[in-house]
Amino acid sequence: MSSAYTELTGEEDPYDPEADQAVRLVVGEVGAEVGSVDELVTPGGIAAVAQACARHIDPTRILCGHYPSVYISWMYTIEADDLTLS
């Protein structure tokens, strides 16, 4: 994917593996504090999400993985067979 991104844009791939870890930390913390989807939309659930995000997420770093050019690069590199459920 990185080489497809570079070929497409002429720039280095912005993927940051630490961003994935940050998202996993947020999900883990929220999962430990919020017991259900219904609880997630309560003031306490919203506060838990906001606090976990504030502790772990750099929004600009996360957004780099969601530029259209990143998705297009993945589309160039993934085979149709990789998109099926097994």
PDB file of N, CA and C in Angstrom:
ATOM      1  N   MET A   1       0.826  -1.177   0.000  1.00  0.00           N
ATOM      2  CA  MET A   1       0.000   0.000   0.000  1.00  0.00           C
ATOM      3  C   MET A   1       0.875   1.248   0.000  1.00  0.00           C
ATOM      4  N   SER A   2       1.951   1.224   0.772  1.00  0.00           N
ATOM      5  CA  SER A   2       2.832   2.388   0.845  1.00  0.00           C
ATOM      6  C   SER A   2       3.415   2.751  -0.516  1.00  0.00           C
ATOM      7  N   SER A   3       3.829   1.737  -1.272  1.00  0.00           N
ATOM      8  CA  SER A   3       4.395   2.042  -2.594  1.00  0.00           C
ATOM      9  C   SER A   3       3.311   2.552  -3.537  1.00  0.00           C
ATOM     10  N   ALA A   4       2.090   2.017  -3.428  1.00  0.00           N
ATOM     11  CA  ALA A   4       0.994   2.516  -4.255  1.00  0.00           C
ATOM     12  C   ALA A   4       0.676   3.971  -3.902  1.00  0.00           C
ATOM     13  N   TYR A   5       0.732   4.299  -2.626  1.00  0.00           N
ATOM     14  CA  TYR A   5       0.477   5.674  -2.192  1.00  0.00           C
ATOM     15  C   TYR A   5       1.537   6.615  -2.763  1.00  0.00           C
ATOM     16  N   THR A   6       2.795   6.210  -2.646  1.00  0.00           N
ATOM     17  CA  THR A   6       3.883   7.038  -3.155  1.00  0.00           C
ATOM     18  C   THR A   6       3.766   7.228  -4.662  1.00  0.00           C
ATOM     19  N   GLU A   7       3.427   6.148  -5.368  1.00  0.00           N
ATOM     20  CA  GLU A   7       3.263   6.245  -6.822  1.00  0.00           C
ATOM     21  C   GLU A   7       2.096   7.167  -7.183  1.00  0.00           C
ATOM     22  N   LEU A   8       1.016   7.083  -6.415  1.00  0.00           N
ATOM     23  CA  LEU A   8      -0.181   7.871  -6.689  1.00  0.00           C
ATOM     24  C   LEU A   8       0.013   9.355  -6.367  1.00  0.00           C
ATOM     25  N   THR A   9       0.662   9.634  -5.233  1.00  0.00           N
ATOM     26  CA  THR A   9       0.735  11.014  -4.761  1.00  0.00           C
ATOM     27  C   THR A   9       2.103  11.666  -4.908  1.00  0.00           C
ATOM     28  N   GLY A  10       3.156  10.842  -5.042  1.00  0.00           N
ATOM     29  CA  GLY A  10       4.509  11.384  -5.071  1.00  0.00           C
ATOM     30  C   GLY A  10       5.034  11.724  -3.690  1.00  0.00           C
ATOM     31  N   GLU A  11       4.303  11.344  -2.664  1.00  0.00           N
ATOM     32  CA  GLU A  11       4.693  11.617  -1.279  1.00  0.00           C
ATOM     33  C   GLU A  11       4.763  10.317  -0.489  1.00  0.00           C
ATOM     34  N   GLU A  12       5.400  10.394   0.679  1.00  0.00           N
ATOM     35  CA  GLU A  12       5.503   9.233   1.551  1.00  0.00           C
ATOM     36  C   GLU A  12       4.153   8.939   2.209  1.00  0.00           C
ATOM     37  N   ASP A  13       3.849   7.676   2.382  1.00  0.00           N
ATOM     38  CA  ASP A  13       2.620   7.219   3.028  1.00  0.00           C
ATOM     39  C   ASP A  13       2.531   7.795   4.447  1.00  0.00           C
ATOM     40  N   PRO A  14       1.370   8.406   4.819  1.00  0.00           N
ATOM     41  CA  PRO A  14       1.245   9.008   6.144  1.00  0.00           C
ATOM     42  C   PRO A  14       0.870   8.020   7.247  1.00  0.00           C
ATOM     43  N   TYR A  15       0.768   6.729   6.917  1.00  0.00           N
ATOM     44  CA  TYR A  15       0.351   5.745   7.919  1.00  0.00           C
ATOM     45  C   TYR A  15       1.266   5.766   9.135  1.00  0.00           C
ATOM     46  N   ASP A  16       0.660   5.775  10.302  1.00  0.00           N
ATOM     47  CA  ASP A  16       1.391   5.778  11.561  1.00  0.00           C
ATOM     48  C   ASP A  16       0.869   4.616  12.405  1.00  0.00           C
ATOM     49  N   PRO A  17       1.656   3.550  12.596  1.00  0.00           N
ATOM     50  CA  PRO A  17       1.190   2.399  13.365  1.00  0.00           C
ATOM     51  C   PRO A  17       0.802   2.753  14.795  1.00  0.00           C
ATOM     52  N   GLU A  18       1.366   3.815  15.339  1.00  0.00           N
ATOM     53  CA  GLU A  18       0.999   4.222  16.690  1.00  0.00           C
ATOM     54  C   GLU A  18      -0.441   4.711  16.760  1.00  0.00           C
ATOM     55  N   ALA A  19      -0.981   5.207  15.666  1.00  0.00           N
ATOM     56  CA  ALA A  19      -2.373   5.654  15.640  1.00  0.00           C
ATOM     57  C   ALA A  19      -3.310   4.475  15.879  1.00  0.00           C
ATOM     58  N   ASP A  20      -2.993   3.330  15.298  1.00  0.00           N
ATOM     59  CA  ASP A  20      -3.799   2.131  15.506  1.00  0.00           C
ATOM     60  C   ASP A  20      -3.775   1.729  16.976  1.00  0.00           C
ATOM     61  N   GLN A  21      -2.628   1.794  17.594  1.00  0.00           N
ATOM     62  CA  GLN A  21      -2.508   1.465  19.016  1.00  0.00           C
ATOM     63  C   GLN A  21      -3.316   2.437  19.866  1.00  0.00           C
ATOM     64  N   ALA A  22      -3.308   3.717  19.512  1.00  0.00           N
ATOM     65  CA  ALA A  22      -4.067   4.717  20.263  1.00  0.00           C
ATOM     66  C   ALA A  22      -5.565   4.421  20.191  1.00  0.00           C
ATOM     67  N   VAL A  23      -6.042   4.047  19.019  1.00  0.00           N
ATOM     68  CA  VAL A  23      -7.462   3.716  18.873  1.00  0.00           C
ATOM     69  C   VAL A  23      -7.795   2.481  19.711  1.00  0.00           C
ATOM     70  N   ARG A  24      -6.931   1.493  19.706  1.00  0.00           N
ATOM     71  CA  ARG A  24      -7.162   0.290  20.520  1.00  0.00           C
ATOM     72  C   ARG A  24      -7.203   0.626  22.015  1.00  0.00           C
ATOM     73  N   LEU A  25      -6.351   1.534  22.453  1.00  0.00           N
ATOM     74  CA  LEU A  25      -6.365   1.949  23.855  1.00  0.00           C
ATOM     75  C   LEU A  25      -7.678   2.634  24.215  1.00  0.00           C
ATOM     76  N   VAL A  26      -8.155   3.506  23.335  1.00  0.00           N
ATOM     77  CA  VAL A  26      -9.428   4.192  23.582  1.00  0.00           C
ATOM     78  C   VAL A  26     -10.566   3.181  23.667  1.00  0.00           C
ATOM     79  N   VAL A  27     -10.627   2.271  22.708  1.00  0.00           N
ATOM     80  CA  VAL A  27     -11.694   1.262  22.702  1.00  0.00           C
ATOM     81  C   VAL A  27     -11.629   0.412  23.974  1.00  0.00           C
ATOM     82  N   GLY A  28     -10.428   0.021  24.372  1.00  0.00           N
ATOM     83  CA  GLY A  28     -10.275  -0.783  25.588  1.00  0.00           C
ATOM     84  C   GLY A  28     -10.723  -0.045  26.830  1.00  0.00           C
ATOM     85  N   GLU A  29     -10.324   1.211  26.963  1.00  0.00           N
ATOM     86  CA  GLU A  29     -10.720   1.995  28.137  1.00  0.00           C
ATOM     87  C   GLU A  29     -12.225   2.229  28.175  1.00  0.00           C
ATOM     88  N   VAL A  30     -12.791   2.592  27.035  1.00  0.00           N
ATOM     89  CA  VAL A  30     -14.235   2.833  26.997  1.00  0.00           C
ATOM     90  C   VAL A  30     -14.980   1.536  27.296  1.00  0.00           C
ATOM     91  N   GLY A  31     -14.509   0.422  26.726  1.00  0.00           N
ATOM     92  CA  GLY A  31     -15.144  -0.869  26.991  1.00  0.00           C
ATOM     93  C   GLY A  31     -15.100  -1.253  28.455  1.00  0.00           C
ATOM     94  N   ALA A  32     -14.039  -0.882  29.146  1.00  0.00           N
ATOM     95  CA  ALA A  32     -13.915  -1.196  30.572  1.00  0.00           C
ATOM     96  C   ALA A  32     -14.817  -0.315  31.438  1.00  0.00           C
ATOM     97  N   GLU A  33     -15.105   0.899  30.970  1.00  0.00           N
ATOM     98  CA  GLU A  33     -15.894   1.841  31.758  1.00  0.00           C
ATOM     99  C   GLU A  33     -17.377   1.857  31.402  1.00  0.00           C
ATOM    100  N   VAL A  34     -17.712   1.479  30.184  1.00  0.00           N
ATOM    101  CA  VAL A  34     -19.091   1.560  29.707  1.00  0.00           C
ATOM    102  C   VAL A  34     -19.593   0.145  29.452  1.00  0.00           C
ATOM    103  N   GLY A  35     -20.671  -0.216  30.123  1.00  0.00           N
ATOM    104  CA  GLY A  35     -21.138  -1.598  30.077  1.00  0.00           C
ATOM    105  C   GLY A  35     -22.034  -1.970  28.913  1.00  0.00           C
ATOM    106  N   SER A  36     -22.612  -0.988  28.217  1.00  0.00           N
ATOM    107  CA  SER A  36     -23.534  -1.319  27.129  1.00  0.00           C
ATOM    108  C   SER A  36     -23.610  -0.161  26.144  1.00  0.00           C
ATOM    109  N   VAL A  37     -24.208  -0.439  24.996  1.00  0.00           N
ATOM    110  CA  VAL A  37     -24.412   0.608  23.998  1.00  0.00           C
ATOM    111  C   VAL A  37     -25.344   1.674  24.564  1.00  0.00           C
ATOM    112  N   ASP A  38     -26.360   1.242  25.296  1.00  0.00           N
ATOM    113  CA  ASP A  38     -27.284   2.215  25.888  1.00  0.00           C
ATOM    114  C   ASP A  38     -26.556   3.149  26.850  1.00  0.00           C
ATOM    115  N   GLU A  39     -25.626   2.592  27.629  1.00  0.00           N
ATOM    116  CA  GLU A  39     -24.860   3.399  28.572  1.00  0.00           C
ATOM    117  C   GLU A  39     -23.898   4.349  27.852  1.00  0.00           C
ATOM    118  N   LEU A  40     -23.480   3.953  26.663  1.00  0.00           N
ATOM    119  CA  LEU A  40     -22.542   4.761  25.897  1.00  0.00           C
ATOM    120  C   LEU A  40     -23.094   6.142  25.576  1.00  0.00           C
ATOM    121  N   VAL A  41     -24.411   6.249  25.388  1.00  0.00           N
ATOM    122  CA  VAL A  41     -25.014   7.536  25.014  1.00  0.00           C
ATOM    123  C   VAL A  41     -25.505   8.343  26.215  1.00  0.00           C
ATOM    124  N   THR A  42     -25.177   7.896  27.420  1.00  0.00           N
ATOM    125  CA  THR A  42     -25.512   8.668  28.619  1.00  0.00           C
ATOM    126  C   THR A  42     -24.415   9.703  28.856  1.00  0.00           C
ATOM    127  N   PRO A  43     -24.669  10.689  29.707  1.00  0.00           N
ATOM    128  CA  PRO A  43     -23.605  11.659  30.003  1.00  0.00           C
ATOM    129  C   PRO A  43     -22.315  10.980  30.511  1.00  0.00           C
ATOM    130  N   GLY A  44     -22.433   9.944  31.318  1.00  0.00           N
ATOM    131  CA  GLY A  44     -21.256   9.230  31.812  1.00  0.00           C
ATOM    132  C   GLY A  44     -20.519   8.514  30.693  1.00  0.00           C
ATOM    133  N   GLY A  45     -21.251   7.915  29.777  1.00  0.00           N
ATOM    134  CA  GLY A  45     -20.635   7.227  28.649  1.00  0.00           C
ATOM    135  C   GLY A  45     -19.930   8.192  27.713  1.00  0.00           C
ATOM    136  N   ILE A  46     -20.575   9.297  27.458  1.00  0.00           N
ATOM    137  CA  ILE A  46     -19.979  10.323  26.595  1.00  0.00           C
ATOM    138  C   ILE A  46     -18.717  10.878  27.252  1.00  0.00           C
ATOM    139  N   ALA A  47     -18.760  11.085  28.558  1.00  0.00           N
ATOM    140  CA  ALA A  47     -17.584  11.580  29.281  1.00  0.00           C
ATOM    141  C   ALA A  47     -16.448  10.563  29.211  1.00  0.00           C
ATOM    142  N   ALA A  48     -16.769   9.276  29.325  1.00  0.00           N
ATOM    143  CA  ALA A  48     -15.736   8.240  29.239  1.00  0.00           C
ATOM    144  C   ALA A  48     -15.055   8.256  27.870  1.00  0.00           C
ATOM    145  N   VAL A  49     -15.839   8.392  26.811  1.00  0.00           N
ATOM    146  CA  VAL A  49     -15.274   8.458  25.455  1.00  0.00           C
ATOM    147  C   VAL A  49     -14.400   9.703  25.304  1.00  0.00           C
ATOM    148  N   ALA A  50     -14.911  10.842  25.752  1.00  0.00           N
ATOM    149  CA  ALA A  50     -14.163  12.099  25.618  1.00  0.00           C
ATOM    150  C   ALA A  50     -12.845  12.040  26.399  1.00  0.00           C
ATOM    151  N   GLN A  51     -12.880  11.489  27.598  1.00  0.00           N
ATOM    152  CA  GLN A  51     -11.659  11.400  28.415  1.00  0.00           C
ATOM    153  C   GLN A  51     -10.641  10.459  27.785  1.00  0.00           C
ATOM    154  N   ALA A  52     -11.099   9.312  27.313  1.00  0.00           N
ATOM    155  CA  ALA A  52     -10.181   8.355  26.684  1.00  0.00           C
ATOM    156  C   ALA A  52      -9.572   8.952  25.414  1.00  0.00           C
ATOM    157  N   CYS A  53     -10.374   9.640  24.633  1.00  0.00           N
ATOM    158  CA  CYS A  53      -9.856  10.277  23.412  1.00  0.00           C
ATOM    159  C   CYS A  53      -8.838  11.354  23.758  1.00  0.00           C
ATOM    160  N   ALA A  54      -9.130  12.151  24.762  1.00  0.00           N
ATOM    161  CA  ALA A  54      -8.215  13.220  25.152  1.00  0.00           C
ATOM    162  C   ALA A  54      -6.876  12.652  25.629  1.00  0.00           C
ATOM    163  N   ARG A  55      -6.904  11.476  26.265  1.00  0.00           N
ATOM    164  CA  ARG A  55      -5.669  10.866  26.762  1.00  0.00           C
ATOM    165  C   ARG A  55      -4.812  10.267  25.654  1.00  0.00           C
ATOM    166  N   HIS A  56      -5.439   9.768  24.575  1.00  0.00           N
ATOM    167  CA  HIS A  56      -4.697   8.947  23.621  1.00  0.00           C
ATOM    168  C   HIS A  56      -4.692   9.414  22.168  1.00  0.00           C
ATOM    169  N   ILE A  57      -5.598  10.270  21.780  1.00  0.00           N
ATOM    170  CA  ILE A  57      -5.787  10.557  20.354  1.00  0.00           C
ATOM    171  C   ILE A  57      -5.227  11.920  19.971  1.00  0.00           C
ATOM    172  N   ASP A  58      -4.406  11.918  18.944  1.00  0.00           N
ATOM    173  CA  ASP A  58      -3.977  13.140  18.268  1.00  0.00           C
ATOM    174  C   ASP A  58      -4.796  13.180  16.977  1.00  0.00           C
ATOM    175  N   PRO A  59      -5.811  14.041  16.906  1.00  0.00           N
ATOM    176  CA  PRO A  59      -6.732  14.007  15.762  1.00  0.00           C
ATOM    177  C   PRO A  59      -6.050  14.124  14.407  1.00  0.00           C
ATOM    178  N   THR A  60      -5.022  14.934  14.303  1.00  0.00           N
ATOM    179  CA  THR A  60      -4.383  15.083  12.998  1.00  0.00           C
ATOM    180  C   THR A  60      -3.681  13.795  12.583  1.00  0.00           C
ATOM    181  N   ARG A  61      -3.123  13.070  13.544  1.00  0.00           N
ATOM    182  CA  ARG A  61      -2.452  11.808  13.226  1.00  0.00           C
ATOM    183  C   ARG A  61      -3.472  10.754  12.772  1.00  0.00           C
ATOM    184  N   ILE A  62      -4.607  10.699  13.425  1.00  0.00           N
ATOM    185  CA  ILE A  62      -5.652   9.739  13.057  1.00  0.00           C
ATOM    186  C   ILE A  62      -6.214  10.082  11.678  1.00  0.00           C
ATOM    187  N   LEU A  63      -6.453  11.354  11.419  1.00  0.00           N
ATOM    188  CA  LEU A  63      -7.044  11.769  10.147  1.00  0.00           C
ATOM    189  C   LEU A  63      -6.167  11.431   8.950  1.00  0.00           C
ATOM    190  N   CYS A  64      -4.859  11.398   9.138  1.00  0.00           N
ATOM    191  CA  CYS A  64      -3.951  11.093   8.021  1.00  0.00           C
ATOM    192  C   CYS A  64      -4.262   9.734   7.395  1.00  0.00           C
ATOM    193  N   GLY A  65      -4.766   8.818   8.166  1.00  0.00           N
ATOM    194  CA  GLY A  65      -5.091   7.498   7.642  1.00  0.00           C
ATOM    195  C   GLY A  65      -6.416   7.438   6.906  1.00  0.00           C
ATOM    196  N   HIS A  66      -7.124   8.562   6.832  1.00  0.00           N
ATOM    197  CA  HIS A  66      -8.446   8.569   6.209  1.00  0.00           C
ATOM    198  C   HIS A  66      -8.552   9.547   5.046  1.00  0.00           C
ATOM    199  N   TYR A  67      -7.436   9.951   4.506  1.00  0.00           N
ATOM    200  CA  TYR A  67      -7.468  10.766   3.298  1.00  0.00           C
ATOM    201  C   TYR A  67      -7.925   9.903   2.129  1.00  0.00           C
ATOM    202  N   PRO A  68      -8.632  10.469   1.169  1.00  0.00           N
ATOM    203  CA  PRO A  68      -9.054   9.688   0.000  1.00  0.00           C
ATOM    204  C   PRO A  68      -7.891   8.978  -0.698  1.00  0.00           C
ATOM    205  N   SER A  69      -6.744   9.623  -0.754  1.00  0.00           N
ATOM    206  CA  SER A  69      -5.598   8.992  -1.412  1.00  0.00           C
ATOM    207  C   SER A  69      -5.149   7.719  -0.704  1.00  0.00           C
ATOM    208  N   VAL A  70      -5.354   7.640   0.611  1.00  0.00           N
ATOM    209  CA  VAL A  70      -5.018   6.415   1.352  1.00  0.00           C
ATOM    210  C   VAL A  70      -5.968   5.296   0.943  1.00  0.00           C
ATOM    211  N   TYR A  71      -7.262   5.591   0.892  1.00  0.00           N
ATOM    212  CA  TYR A  71      -8.238   4.571   0.493  1.00  0.00           C
ATOM    213  C   TYR A  71      -8.001   4.110  -0.942  1.00  0.00           C
ATOM    214  N   ILE A  72      -7.699   5.040  -1.820  1.00  0.00           N
ATOM    215  CA  ILE A  72      -7.430   4.680  -3.215  1.00  0.00           C
ATOM    216  C   ILE A  72      -6.202   3.774  -3.300  1.00  0.00           C
ATOM    217  N   SER A  73      -5.178   4.080  -2.518  1.00  0.00           N
ATOM    218  CA  SER A  73      -3.972   3.238  -2.512  1.00  0.00           C
ATOM    219  C   SER A  73      -4.298   1.824  -2.043  1.00  0.00           C
ATOM    220  N   TRP A  74      -5.124   1.706  -1.015  1.00  0.00           N
ATOM    221  CA  TRP A  74      -5.534   0.366  -0.570  1.00  0.00           C
ATOM    222  C   TRP A  74      -6.310  -0.345  -1.675  1.00  0.00           C
ATOM    223  N   MET A  75      -7.163   0.385  -2.393  1.00  0.00           N
ATOM    224  CA  MET A  75      -7.944  -0.232  -3.470  1.00  0.00           C
ATOM    225  C   MET A  75      -7.036  -0.766  -4.571  1.00  0.00           C
ATOM    226  N   TYR A  76      -5.932  -0.101  -4.831  1.00  0.00           N
ATOM    227  CA  TYR A  76      -4.984  -0.575  -5.837  1.00  0.00           C
ATOM    228  C   TYR A  76      -4.266  -1.854  -5.406  1.00  0.00           C
ATOM    229  N   THR A  77      -4.147  -2.077  -4.108  1.00  0.00           N
ATOM    230  CA  THR A  77      -3.311  -3.187  -3.635  1.00  0.00           C
ATOM    231  C   THR A  77      -4.084  -4.401  -3.157  1.00  0.00           C
ATOM    232  N   ILE A  78      -5.363  -4.275  -2.875  1.00  0.00           N
ATOM    233  CA  ILE A  78      -6.137  -5.412  -2.350  1.00  0.00           C
ATOM    234  C   ILE A  78      -6.766  -6.181  -3.494  1.00  0.00           C
ATOM    235  N   GLU A  79      -6.588  -7.479  -3.450  1.00  0.00           N
ATOM    236  CA  GLU A  79      -7.182  -8.377  -4.451  1.00  0.00           C
ATOM    237  C   GLU A  79      -8.636  -8.685  -4.060  1.00  0.00           C
ATOM    238  N   ALA A  80      -9.475  -8.976  -5.024  1.00  0.00           N
ATOM    239  CA  ALA A  80     -10.883  -9.271  -4.775  1.00  0.00           C
ATOM    240  C   ALA A  80     -11.056 -10.422  -3.797  1.00  0.00           C
ATOM    241  N   ASP A  81     -10.206 -11.430  -3.887  1.00  0.00           N
ATOM    242  CA  ASP A  81     -10.306 -12.582  -2.979  1.00  0.00           C
ATOM    243  C   ASP A  81     -10.040 -12.195  -1.529  1.00  0.00           C
ATOM    244  N   ASP A  82      -9.290 -11.132  -1.322  1.00  0.00           N
ATOM    245  CA  ASP A  82      -8.997 -10.675   0.040  1.00  0.00           C
ATOM    246  C   ASP A  82     -10.210  -9.999   0.680  1.00  0.00           C
ATOM    247  N   LEU A  83     -11.210  -9.669  -0.109  1.00  0.00           N
ATOM    248  CA  LEU A  83     -12.373  -8.960   0.387  1.00  0.00           C
ATOM    249  C   LEU A  83     -13.544  -9.872   0.741  1.00  0.00           C
ATOM    250  N   THR A  84     -13.346 -11.164   0.642  1.00  0.00           N
ATOM    251  CA  THR A  84     -14.418 -12.100   0.961  1.00  0.00           C
ATOM    252  C   THR A  84     -14.265 -12.617   2.367  1.00  0.00           C
ATOM    253  N   LEU A  85     -15.384 -12.958   2.983  1.00  0.00           N
ATOM    254  CA  LEU A  85     -15.353 -13.545   4.310  1.00  0.00           C
ATOM    255  C   LEU A  85     -15.081 -15.032   4.185  1.00  0.00           C
ATOM    256  N   SER A  86     -14.248 -15.536   5.064  1.00  0.00           N
ATOM    257  CA  SER A  86     -13.969 -16.970   4.996  1.00  0.00           C
ATOM    258  C   SER A  86     -14.444 -17.683   6.216  1.00  0.00           C
TER     259      SER A  86
END
